[in-house]
Amino acid sequence: MEAAKILKTLEELNEATQTATVKGTDEPDREEEGEGEGEGTPEWKKKCMAYYVDCQQDGWTGRCGDCFRYCEGQRGKWPFKKCHER
């Protein structure tokens, strides 16, 4: 149940950030890889969310939130050197 709450929160955060504008422009921030209208969350983001849930629930080393943000920035590449199973 905790994982479901986390995933729902992350999906809501994703939706909110998609409507944000890019700093210095009037254009909304758009996903580049395989995300069009009505397609939902991209696979790379789902992968980051799954690693985040594992990190939180299994007590991995490192700061799960920071590693999640890194994974988002790298479009699905989790920083296993910083956040990994104990």
Protein backbone atom coordinates (compact mmCIF):
# COMPACT_ATOMS: atom_id res chain seq x y z
CA MET A 1 0.00 0.00 0.00
CA GLU A 2 2.88 2.42 0.78
CA ALA A 3 4.35 1.83 -2.68
CA ALA A 4 1.03 2.67 -4.31
CA LYS A 5 0.85 5.96 -2.38
CA ILE A 6 4.39 6.86 -3.43
CA LEU A 7 3.72 6.03 -7.09
CA LYS A 8 0.50 8.07 -7.07
CA THR A 9 2.34 11.03 -5.55
CA LEU A 10 5.11 10.73 -8.12
CA GLU A 11 2.61 10.59 -10.98
CA GLU A 12 0.87 13.70 -9.64
CA LEU A 13 4.24 15.43 -9.38
CA ASN A 14 5.01 14.40 -12.95
CA GLU A 15 1.72 15.89 -14.18
CA ALA A 16 2.36 19.12 -12.30
CA THR A 17 5.87 19.51 -13.70
CA GLN A 18 4.69 18.90 -17.25
CA THR A 19 2.61 22.06 -17.08
CA ALA A 20 5.51 24.17 -15.78
CA THR A 21 7.20 26.51 -18.19
CA VAL A 22 10.87 26.41 -19.07
CA LYS A 23 12.75 29.22 -17.34
CA GLY A 24 13.13 32.19 -19.66
CA THR A 25 10.55 31.01 -22.23
CA ASP A 26 6.81 30.91 -22.61
CA GLU A 27 6.84 27.36 -23.97
CA PRO A 28 5.80 24.50 -21.67
CA ASP A 29 8.43 21.88 -20.83
CA ARG A 30 7.91 18.91 -23.18
CA GLU A 31 9.17 15.36 -22.99
CA GLU A 32 11.36 14.41 -25.94
CA GLU A 33 11.33 10.63 -25.98
CA GLY A 34 8.17 8.80 -26.92
CA GLU A 35 5.68 10.79 -24.96
CA GLY A 36 2.84 12.29 -26.92
CA GLU A 37 -0.66 13.30 -26.06
CA GLY A 38 -2.45 10.72 -23.93
CA GLU A 39 0.44 8.27 -23.66
CA GLY A 40 0.94 8.76 -19.91
CA THR A 41 4.17 8.34 -17.99
CA PRO A 42 7.23 7.50 -20.11
CA GLU A 43 8.97 4.17 -19.50
CA TRP A 44 12.20 5.79 -18.29
CA LYS A 45 10.26 7.65 -15.58
CA LYS A 46 8.44 4.48 -14.52
CA LYS A 47 11.85 2.84 -14.14
CA CYS A 48 13.05 5.70 -11.90
CA MET A 49 9.89 5.46 -9.81
CA ALA A 50 10.32 1.71 -9.37
CA TYR A 51 13.92 2.16 -8.20
CA TYR A 52 12.78 4.91 -5.83
CA VAL A 53 10.14 2.67 -4.29
CA ASP A 54 12.69 -0.13 -3.85
CA CYS A 55 15.14 2.34 -2.32
CA GLN A 56 12.56 3.58 0.19
CA GLN A 57 11.02 0.25 1.10
CA ASP A 58 14.20 -1.81 1.27
CA GLY A 59 16.32 0.78 3.09
CA TRP A 60 18.98 1.19 0.41
CA THR A 61 22.09 3.24 1.07
CA GLY A 62 22.08 6.87 -0.05
CA ARG A 63 19.38 9.51 -0.31
CA CYS A 64 16.55 8.05 -2.34
CA GLY A 65 15.02 11.41 -3.26
CA ASP A 66 18.31 12.77 -4.59
CA CYS A 67 18.88 9.58 -6.57
CA PHE A 68 15.35 9.80 -7.99
CA ARG A 69 15.96 13.36 -9.19
CA TYR A 70 19.25 12.27 -10.77
CA CYS A 71 17.48 9.40 -12.50
CA GLU A 72 14.88 11.81 -13.87
CA GLY A 73 17.59 14.11 -15.18
CA GLN A 74 19.37 11.21 -16.85
CA ARG A 75 16.10 9.78 -18.21
CA GLY A 76 16.16 6.42 -16.50
CA LYS A 77 19.77 5.94 -15.41
CA TRP A 78 19.74 5.21 -11.67
CA PRO A 79 22.95 6.17 -9.77
CA PHE A 80 23.70 2.76 -8.26
CA LYS A 81 27.02 4.01 -6.84
CA LYS A 82 25.07 6.40 -4.59
CA CYS A 83 21.86 4.45 -3.94
CA HIS A 84 21.95 0.67 -3.82
CA GLU A 85 20.89 -2.33 -1.77
CA ARG A 86 22.71 -2.85 1.50
